[in-house]
Amino acid sequence: MTILSEAQRKLDLGKDFTRETGLPFVTISYAQSLDGSIALRPGYPLSISCAESLVLTHHLRAMHDAILIGIGSVLADDPRLTVRLAEGGNPQPLILDSRLRFPPYARLLECNGCKPWIFTTDRAAVDRERSLEACGAKVVRLPSGPDGRIEVRTLLKHLVKMGILSIMVEGGAEVIKSFLLAKAVNQLVVSITPLLVGGIRVLEATAKVDPTPFPRLINVGYEKAGSDMVLRADPDWAKE
């Protein structure tokens, strides 16, 4: 079974998960170098995926209702988050932005019929909200946690109410880490590129300051995509 077919099978089963828990099915997907780097340093993106693994990523996007990133990824990459290299519709872009730093020139605002939903807190300025909504974005305010950020499970429960049943989380490192710490991940798809970078790793900071153990990965599958190796696995939260 291929990575994509197994990912789709898990998404199909995810409908039962949503009915039982009231939470959407969450796939974390990102690309890293052989030494685990996903960026050179904060604010400096790292484009390392080969053409074949990029196509796989776009197929994954088309499978999900929505795609989620943090404001740091928006400011660093100015992504479009659309499906361009595969057949299928565009997922709904979701942005975590506690202080509404989302720029009015972002390419995400150029996509007709797929303008971003920006999730923020009461800390954000009202005039920024009005400005972004005038550009077509939808701004949603949610309660913040003790750290001043939106709590992952609060966000997920709200998204189900908005009709989002599956989400692909693409980054950045802090967002991926927050979903793992909240135990709100159903599957991971990671592309590994044969490069040594020495940059920022997804879980590096957490390992130093947070004792929370991470789950063992089960049902692991591998597939070669061009020069990259793609891994798909399920987190076993019962045996963390």
Protein backbone atom coordinates (compact mmCIF):
# COMPACT_ATOMS: atom_id res chain seq x y z
CA MET A 1 0.00 0.00 0.00
CA THR A 2 1.38 3.43 -0.93
CA ILE A 3 1.82 6.34 1.45
CA LEU A 4 -1.06 8.22 -0.17
CA SER A 5 -3.47 5.27 -0.18
CA GLU A 6 -2.74 4.54 3.48
CA ALA A 7 -3.13 8.22 4.38
CA GLN A 8 -6.50 8.25 2.60
CA ARG A 9 -7.59 5.08 4.40
CA LYS A 10 -6.75 6.70 7.73
CA LEU A 11 -8.69 9.82 6.75
CA ASP A 12 -11.73 7.70 5.88
CA LEU A 13 -11.54 6.07 9.32
CA GLY A 14 -11.12 9.54 10.79
CA LYS A 15 -14.81 10.23 10.30
CA ASP A 16 -15.54 7.75 13.08
CA PHE A 17 -12.88 9.45 15.22
CA THR A 18 -14.62 12.80 14.76
CA ARG A 19 -18.04 11.38 15.67
CA GLU A 20 -16.61 9.83 18.83
CA THR A 21 -14.44 12.73 20.01
CA GLY A 22 -15.82 15.90 18.46
CA LEU A 23 -12.33 16.61 17.10
CA PRO A 24 -11.13 16.71 13.49
CA PHE A 25 -8.62 14.18 12.15
CA VAL A 26 -5.16 15.79 12.17
CA THR A 27 -2.28 14.94 9.85
CA ILE A 28 1.10 16.54 10.50
CA SER A 29 3.17 16.80 7.34
CA TYR A 30 6.50 18.52 6.84
CA ALA A 31 9.86 18.17 5.10
CA GLN A 32 13.18 17.92 6.89
CA SER A 33 16.83 17.33 6.14
CA LEU A 34 18.60 14.15 7.16
CA ASP A 35 19.73 15.86 10.38
CA GLY A 36 16.16 16.95 11.20
CA SER A 37 16.33 20.59 10.10
CA ILE A 38 13.18 22.29 8.80
CA ALA A 39 14.61 25.84 8.60
CA LEU A 40 18.01 27.51 8.60
CA ARG A 41 17.05 29.87 11.42
CA PRO A 42 13.88 31.71 12.54
CA GLY A 43 12.36 33.64 9.67
CA TYR A 44 14.50 31.94 7.02
CA PRO A 45 12.66 29.19 5.12
CA LEU A 46 14.36 26.07 3.86
CA SER A 47 13.16 24.64 0.53
CA ILE A 48 14.61 21.15 0.36
CA SER A 49 11.94 18.79 -1.03
CA CYS A 50 12.49 17.26 -4.44
CA ALA A 51 9.83 17.56 -7.17
CA GLU A 52 8.39 14.10 -6.52
CA SER A 53 7.84 14.62 -2.79
CA LEU A 54 6.27 18.03 -3.49
CA VAL A 55 3.72 16.30 -5.73
CA LEU A 56 2.95 13.87 -2.90
CA THR A 57 2.48 16.81 -0.53
CA HIS A 58 -0.01 18.44 -2.90
CA HIS A 59 -1.96 15.17 -3.15
CA LEU A 60 -2.12 15.17 0.66
CA ARG A 61 -3.40 18.75 0.68
CA ALA A 62 -6.21 17.80 -1.68
CA MET A 63 -7.30 15.00 0.69
CA HIS A 64 -7.94 17.34 3.63
CA ASP A 65 -10.67 19.85 4.38
CA ALA A 66 -8.17 22.41 5.66
CA ILE A 67 -4.47 23.20 5.90
CA LEU A 68 -3.00 24.93 8.96
CA ILE A 69 0.16 26.94 9.57
CA GLY A 70 1.31 29.54 12.08
CA ILE A 71 1.88 33.23 11.43
CA GLY A 72 5.65 32.65 11.49
CA SER A 73 5.37 30.51 8.36
CA VAL A 74 3.24 33.18 6.68
CA LEU A 75 5.80 35.90 7.40
CA ALA A 76 8.78 33.74 6.40
CA ASP A 77 7.42 31.94 3.32
CA ASP A 78 4.38 33.92 2.08
CA PRO A 79 2.85 30.57 0.96
CA ARG A 80 -0.27 30.01 -1.15
CA LEU A 81 -1.19 26.62 0.42
CA THR A 82 -3.06 25.61 -2.73
CA VAL A 83 -3.15 22.36 -4.71
CA ARG A 84 -1.16 23.03 -7.87
CA LEU A 85 0.80 19.83 -8.54
CA ALA A 86 -2.07 17.35 -8.20
CA GLU A 87 -5.75 17.03 -8.99
CA GLY A 88 -8.26 18.10 -6.36
CA GLY A 89 -9.66 21.15 -4.66
CA ASN A 90 -7.80 23.57 -2.45
CA PRO A 91 -8.04 23.02 1.32
CA GLN A 92 -9.29 25.86 3.48
CA PRO A 93 -6.25 27.83 4.77
CA LEU A 94 -6.15 28.21 8.56
CA ILE A 95 -3.69 30.58 10.25
CA LEU A 96 -2.79 30.75 13.95
CA ASP A 97 -2.01 34.38 14.71
CA SER A 98 -2.53 35.41 18.35
CA ARG A 99 -1.66 39.09 17.74
CA LEU A 100 -2.91 39.52 14.15
CA ARG A 101 0.44 40.13 12.50
CA PHE A 102 -0.93 38.74 9.21
CA PRO A 103 0.23 41.10 6.40
CA PRO A 104 -2.34 42.59 3.99
CA TYR A 105 -0.02 41.81 1.05
CA ALA A 106 0.08 38.04 1.73
CA ARG A 107 -0.52 35.80 -1.29
CA LEU A 108 -3.12 33.87 0.72
CA LEU A 109 -5.45 36.84 0.19
CA GLU A 110 -5.19 36.49 -3.59
CA CYS A 111 -6.95 33.13 -3.88
CA ASN A 112 -10.58 33.66 -4.89
CA GLY A 113 -13.00 31.46 -2.97
CA CYS A 114 -10.29 30.27 -0.57
CA LYS A 115 -9.41 33.26 1.59
CA PRO A 116 -7.75 32.41 4.93
CA TRP A 117 -9.45 31.95 8.25
CA ILE A 118 -7.23 33.65 10.83
CA PHE A 119 -7.56 32.51 14.43
CA THR A 120 -6.54 35.06 17.02
CA THR A 121 -7.16 36.10 20.63
CA ASP A 122 -8.57 39.11 22.45
CA ARG A 123 -5.04 40.54 22.52
CA ALA A 124 -5.32 41.41 18.83
CA ALA A 125 -6.21 44.97 17.79
CA VAL A 126 -9.74 45.55 16.47
CA ASP A 127 -8.50 47.81 13.65
CA ARG A 128 -6.25 45.00 12.39
CA GLU A 129 -9.23 42.66 12.36
CA ARG A 130 -11.30 45.12 10.35
CA SER A 131 -8.47 45.69 7.89
CA LEU A 132 -7.94 41.98 7.25
CA GLU A 133 -11.65 41.26 6.88
CA ALA A 134 -11.86 44.09 4.36
CA CYS A 135 -9.25 42.14 2.36
CA GLY A 136 -11.45 39.04 2.43
CA ALA A 137 -10.02 37.13 5.39
CA LYS A 138 -12.22 35.68 8.12
CA VAL A 139 -10.97 36.53 11.62
CA VAL A 140 -12.07 34.29 14.49
CA ARG A 141 -11.29 35.18 18.10
CA LEU A 142 -10.81 32.33 20.56
CA PRO A 143 -9.82 32.25 24.25
CA SER A 144 -6.10 32.14 24.94
CA GLY A 145 -4.34 29.71 27.22
CA PRO A 146 -1.92 30.54 30.06
CA ASP A 147 0.84 31.22 27.52
CA GLY A 148 -1.29 33.78 25.67
CA ARG A 149 -1.75 31.51 22.66
CA ILE A 150 -4.81 29.65 21.37
CA GLU A 151 -5.14 26.24 22.95
CA VAL A 152 -5.02 23.49 20.35
CA ARG A 153 -8.03 21.51 21.54
CA THR A 154 -10.15 24.65 21.86
CA LEU A 155 -9.29 25.44 18.25
CA LEU A 156 -10.03 21.91 17.04
CA LYS A 157 -13.45 21.74 18.69
CA HIS A 158 -14.35 25.09 17.14
CA LEU A 159 -13.23 23.93 13.69
CA VAL A 160 -15.57 20.94 13.79
CA LYS A 161 -18.43 23.37 14.46
CA MET A 162 -17.29 25.25 11.35
CA GLY A 163 -17.49 22.08 9.26
CA ILE A 164 -13.79 21.17 9.19
CA LEU A 165 -13.36 17.42 9.77
CA SER A 166 -9.75 16.91 8.61
CA ILE A 167 -6.71 19.15 8.90
CA MET A 168 -3.21 18.99 7.47
CA VAL A 169 -0.73 20.83 9.72
CA GLU A 170 2.33 21.99 7.76
CA GLY A 171 4.20 24.15 10.26
CA GLY A 172 6.16 25.80 11.52
CA ALA A 173 8.08 24.15 14.32
CA GLU A 174 6.16 25.79 17.19
CA VAL A 175 2.79 24.84 15.69
CA ILE A 176 3.83 21.23 15.07
CA LYS A 177 5.22 21.03 18.59
CA SER A 178 2.02 22.45 20.11
CA PHE A 179 -0.13 19.83 18.37
CA LEU A 180 2.13 17.02 19.57
CA LEU A 181 2.16 18.33 23.14
CA ALA A 182 -1.65 18.53 23.03
CA LYS A 183 -1.76 14.89 21.86
CA ALA A 184 -3.88 16.08 18.96
CA VAL A 185 -2.19 14.24 16.08
CA ASN A 186 -3.62 11.21 14.25
CA GLN A 187 -0.94 10.56 11.64
CA LEU A 188 2.41 11.93 10.48
CA VAL A 189 3.80 12.15 6.95
CA VAL A 190 7.41 13.34 6.90
CA SER A 191 9.62 13.81 3.84
CA ILE A 192 13.33 13.32 4.56
CA THR A 193 15.84 14.87 2.16
CA PRO A 194 19.45 13.58 2.01
CA LEU A 195 21.03 16.86 3.08
CA LEU A 196 22.86 17.99 6.22
CA VAL A 197 21.83 21.52 7.24
CA GLY A 198 22.41 22.11 10.95
CA GLY A 199 19.33 24.32 11.30
CA ILE A 200 16.13 24.42 13.38
CA ARG A 201 14.56 21.12 14.35
CA VAL A 202 10.87 20.55 15.06
CA LEU A 203 11.27 19.14 18.58
CA GLU A 204 14.67 20.44 19.65
CA ALA A 205 13.45 23.10 22.07
CA THR A 206 10.79 20.86 23.63
CA ALA A 207 13.28 18.14 24.45
CA LYS A 208 15.29 20.63 26.50
CA VAL A 209 12.55 22.32 28.51
CA ASP A 210 9.52 20.03 28.62
CA PRO A 211 9.52 16.56 30.20
CA THR A 212 6.39 15.43 28.35
CA PRO A 213 7.20 12.20 26.51
CA PHE A 214 6.30 11.85 22.88
CA PRO A 215 4.49 8.82 21.51
CA ARG A 216 6.04 5.81 19.87
CA LEU A 217 5.23 5.70 16.16
CA ILE A 218 3.47 2.57 14.91
CA ASN A 219 2.23 1.24 11.55
CA VAL A 220 5.26 2.86 9.97
CA GLY A 221 5.57 2.85 6.20
CA TYR A 222 8.33 4.18 3.93
CA GLU A 223 8.34 5.16 0.28
CA LYS A 224 10.95 6.67 -2.00
CA ALA A 225 9.91 9.84 -3.82
CA GLY A 226 12.65 10.99 -6.14
CA SER A 227 15.71 11.61 -3.98
CA ASP A 228 13.60 11.87 -0.80
CA MET A 229 12.35 9.22 1.59
CA VAL A 230 8.76 9.70 2.81
CA LEU A 231 7.61 8.20 6.11
CA ARG A 232 4.00 7.73 7.22
CA ALA A 233 3.15 6.60 10.76
CA ASP A 234 0.52 6.70 13.50
CA PRO A 235 1.34 8.05 16.97
CA ASP A 236 0.56 5.50 19.69
CA TRP A 237 -0.75 7.78 22.43
CA ALA A 238 -1.68 4.82 24.60
CA LYS A 239 1.99 3.88 25.04
CA GLU A 240 3.69 7.28 25.26
